[in-house]
């Protein structure tokens, strides 16, 4: 049995120790999302496994400079090496090829269980989220812009998933 004061302190603790982060926390997936972007690129005919991209350490997409985590860059990489080395520029390039077609990312994320709930009977499970053009219009009252896809391509921006879904 837990006393009332302890229970109250657990419920008001800003670290939320009673939250099951596995199913109740949603987080940007970061580089783990690059696997999904590789699938989108391959399935939608944007890239092939042999497609090479030159990474000098960053790149300008839609007038904005986006950095790779490796300052000196990765050089010329194909898909396997881009995944292996987690090259941001490679995946930014897939995002650029998609442009404003965020619905293709949403489609494949849905097929792979990264949108909504897992379907497992887990009480209080939160829904994972990947943006769509419909969501952008409904919630933000604006279209989805191609530059936003660049951030989503590396698991940042308008994407948040539960660790369980991932």
Protein backbone atom coordinates (compact mmCIF):
# COMPACT_ATOMS: atom_id res chain seq x y z
CA UNK A 1 0.00 0.00 0.00
CA UNK A 2 1.26 3.47 -0.89
CA UNK A 3 0.48 6.47 1.27
CA UNK A 4 -1.43 9.47 -0.14
CA UNK A 5 1.54 11.86 0.02
CA UNK A 6 3.83 9.50 -1.90
CA UNK A 7 1.11 8.84 -4.50
CA UNK A 8 0.53 12.58 -4.91
CA UNK A 9 4.26 13.27 -5.30
CA UNK A 10 4.56 10.56 -7.97
CA UNK A 11 1.63 12.05 -9.89
CA UNK A 12 3.01 15.59 -9.78
CA UNK A 13 6.68 14.74 -10.37
CA UNK A 14 7.80 16.61 -13.54
CA UNK A 15 9.85 13.54 -14.57
CA UNK A 16 6.57 11.57 -14.75
CA UNK A 17 7.90 8.31 -13.27
CA UNK A 18 4.53 6.58 -13.73
CA UNK A 19 4.46 7.16 -17.48
CA UNK A 20 5.13 4.08 -19.57
CA UNK A 21 7.40 5.76 -22.10
CA UNK A 22 7.44 2.65 -24.30
CA UNK A 23 3.79 3.17 -25.26
CA UNK A 24 2.92 6.63 -23.92
CA UNK A 25 5.89 8.70 -25.02
CA UNK A 26 6.21 9.95 -28.59
CA UNK A 27 9.60 11.10 -29.79
CA UNK A 28 11.33 12.17 -32.99
CA UNK A 29 12.80 8.91 -34.33
CA UNK A 30 15.92 10.60 -35.73
CA UNK A 31 18.22 8.49 -37.85
CA UNK A 32 16.23 5.29 -37.27
CA UNK A 33 13.67 6.84 -39.64
CA UNK A 34 16.23 6.70 -42.46
CA UNK A 35 15.34 3.02 -42.94
CA UNK A 36 11.76 4.06 -43.70
CA UNK A 37 13.02 6.75 -46.09
CA UNK A 38 15.15 4.16 -47.87
CA UNK A 39 12.01 2.05 -48.33
CA UNK A 40 10.07 5.08 -49.63
CA UNK A 41 12.86 5.91 -52.05
CA UNK A 42 13.14 2.35 -53.34
CA UNK A 43 9.43 1.55 -53.51
CA UNK A 44 8.52 4.85 -55.17
CA UNK A 45 11.32 4.56 -57.75
CA UNK A 46 13.24 7.61 -56.51
CA UNK A 47 16.46 5.68 -55.90
CA UNK A 48 18.04 2.30 -56.50
CA UNK A 49 20.46 0.58 -54.13
CA UNK A 50 23.29 1.79 -56.37
CA UNK A 51 22.16 5.45 -56.39
CA UNK A 52 25.06 7.59 -55.23
CA UNK A 53 24.93 10.96 -53.53
CA UNK A 54 27.93 13.16 -52.75
CA UNK A 55 28.04 14.37 -49.16
CA UNK A 56 30.42 17.29 -48.54
CA UNK A 57 29.17 17.69 -44.95
CA UNK A 58 25.87 19.36 -45.73
CA UNK A 59 23.78 20.71 -48.53
CA UNK A 60 21.45 23.50 -49.54
CA UNK A 61 17.87 22.42 -50.12
CA UNK A 62 15.14 24.92 -50.96
CA UNK A 63 17.43 27.82 -50.07
CA UNK A 64 18.40 26.55 -46.63
CA UNK A 65 21.62 24.84 -45.58
CA UNK A 66 21.20 21.50 -43.79
CA UNK A 67 24.21 19.90 -42.11
CA UNK A 68 25.29 16.31 -42.03
CA UNK A 69 26.46 15.00 -38.66
CA UNK A 70 29.90 14.41 -40.18
CA UNK A 71 31.49 17.81 -40.74
CA UNK A 72 33.90 16.69 -43.41
CA UNK A 73 31.18 14.74 -45.15
CA UNK A 74 30.98 11.14 -46.26
CA UNK A 75 32.03 11.65 -49.87
CA UNK A 76 30.14 9.69 -52.51
CA UNK A 77 27.89 7.06 -50.90
CA UNK A 78 25.37 4.53 -52.19
CA UNK A 79 22.31 3.49 -50.20
CA UNK A 80 24.03 0.78 -48.16
CA UNK A 81 26.84 3.10 -47.10
CA UNK A 82 24.41 5.96 -46.46
CA UNK A 83 22.52 3.74 -44.01
CA UNK A 84 25.71 2.30 -42.53
CA UNK A 85 27.22 5.76 -41.97
CA UNK A 86 23.88 7.49 -41.29
CA UNK A 87 24.56 10.15 -43.92
CA UNK A 88 22.03 12.96 -43.58
CA UNK A 89 22.75 14.40 -47.04
CA UNK A 90 21.75 11.15 -48.73
CA UNK A 91 18.37 11.17 -47.00
CA UNK A 92 17.89 14.92 -47.44
CA UNK A 93 18.28 14.15 -51.15
CA UNK A 94 15.49 11.56 -51.00
CA UNK A 95 13.39 14.19 -49.22
CA UNK A 96 14.14 16.67 -51.99
CA UNK A 97 13.11 14.13 -54.63
CA UNK A 98 9.81 13.71 -52.78
CA UNK A 99 9.21 17.46 -52.65
CA UNK A 100 5.79 18.12 -51.16
CA UNK A 101 4.73 14.47 -51.50
CA UNK A 102 4.72 13.83 -47.75
CA UNK A 103 1.77 11.51 -48.32
CA UNK A 104 4.16 8.91 -49.75
CA UNK A 105 6.13 8.96 -46.50
CA UNK A 106 2.87 8.77 -44.56
CA UNK A 107 1.69 5.83 -46.70
CA UNK A 108 4.81 3.74 -46.10
CA UNK A 109 4.99 4.74 -42.42
CA UNK A 110 1.39 3.53 -42.06
CA UNK A 111 2.17 0.24 -43.80
CA UNK A 112 5.09 -0.32 -41.43
CA UNK A 113 3.14 0.52 -38.26
CA UNK A 114 4.56 3.98 -37.59
CA UNK A 115 1.22 5.82 -37.76
CA UNK A 116 -1.47 5.48 -35.12
CA UNK A 117 -1.47 2.74 -32.50
CA UNK A 118 0.32 -0.58 -32.84
CA UNK A 119 -2.84 -2.67 -32.74
CA UNK A 120 -1.56 -4.55 -29.70
CA UNK A 121 -3.94 -4.41 -26.73
CA UNK A 122 -1.94 -1.88 -24.71
CA UNK A 123 -4.00 0.32 -22.38
CA UNK A 124 -3.25 4.05 -22.65
CA UNK A 125 -1.06 3.65 -25.74
CA UNK A 126 -0.43 6.93 -27.57
CA UNK A 127 -0.60 7.20 -31.34
CA UNK A 128 2.54 7.56 -33.41
CA UNK A 129 2.45 10.42 -35.90
CA UNK A 130 3.86 11.07 -39.36
CA UNK A 131 2.66 14.19 -41.16
CA UNK A 132 0.39 14.12 -44.20
CA UNK A 133 -0.90 16.84 -46.51
CA UNK A 134 -4.39 16.31 -45.04
CA UNK A 135 -3.04 16.88 -41.52
CA UNK A 136 -1.21 20.02 -42.63
CA UNK A 137 -4.38 21.50 -44.14
CA UNK A 138 -6.64 20.46 -41.26
CA UNK A 139 -4.39 21.38 -38.33
CA UNK A 140 -2.07 24.09 -39.64
CA UNK A 141 -4.43 25.49 -42.28
CA UNK A 142 -1.64 25.52 -44.83
CA UNK A 143 -0.19 23.22 -47.48
CA UNK A 144 2.76 20.96 -46.86
CA UNK A 145 5.94 22.60 -48.16
CA UNK A 146 8.78 20.69 -49.86
CA UNK A 147 11.36 22.10 -47.44
CA UNK A 148 9.56 20.41 -44.56
CA UNK A 149 10.13 17.01 -46.14
CA UNK A 150 13.90 17.55 -45.78
CA UNK A 151 13.64 17.45 -41.97
CA UNK A 152 11.23 14.51 -41.96
CA UNK A 153 13.72 12.60 -44.16
CA UNK A 154 16.06 12.30 -41.16
CA UNK A 155 13.35 11.67 -38.59
CA UNK A 156 12.89 15.23 -37.40
CA UNK A 157 10.16 17.81 -37.91
CA UNK A 158 6.56 16.61 -38.12
CA UNK A 159 7.15 13.02 -37.02
CA UNK A 160 6.90 11.50 -33.51
CA UNK A 161 6.61 7.80 -32.75
CA UNK A 162 6.41 5.61 -29.69
CA UNK A 163 9.39 3.37 -28.98
CA UNK A 164 7.00 0.39 -29.23
CA UNK A 165 5.97 1.34 -32.78
CA UNK A 166 9.57 1.90 -33.78
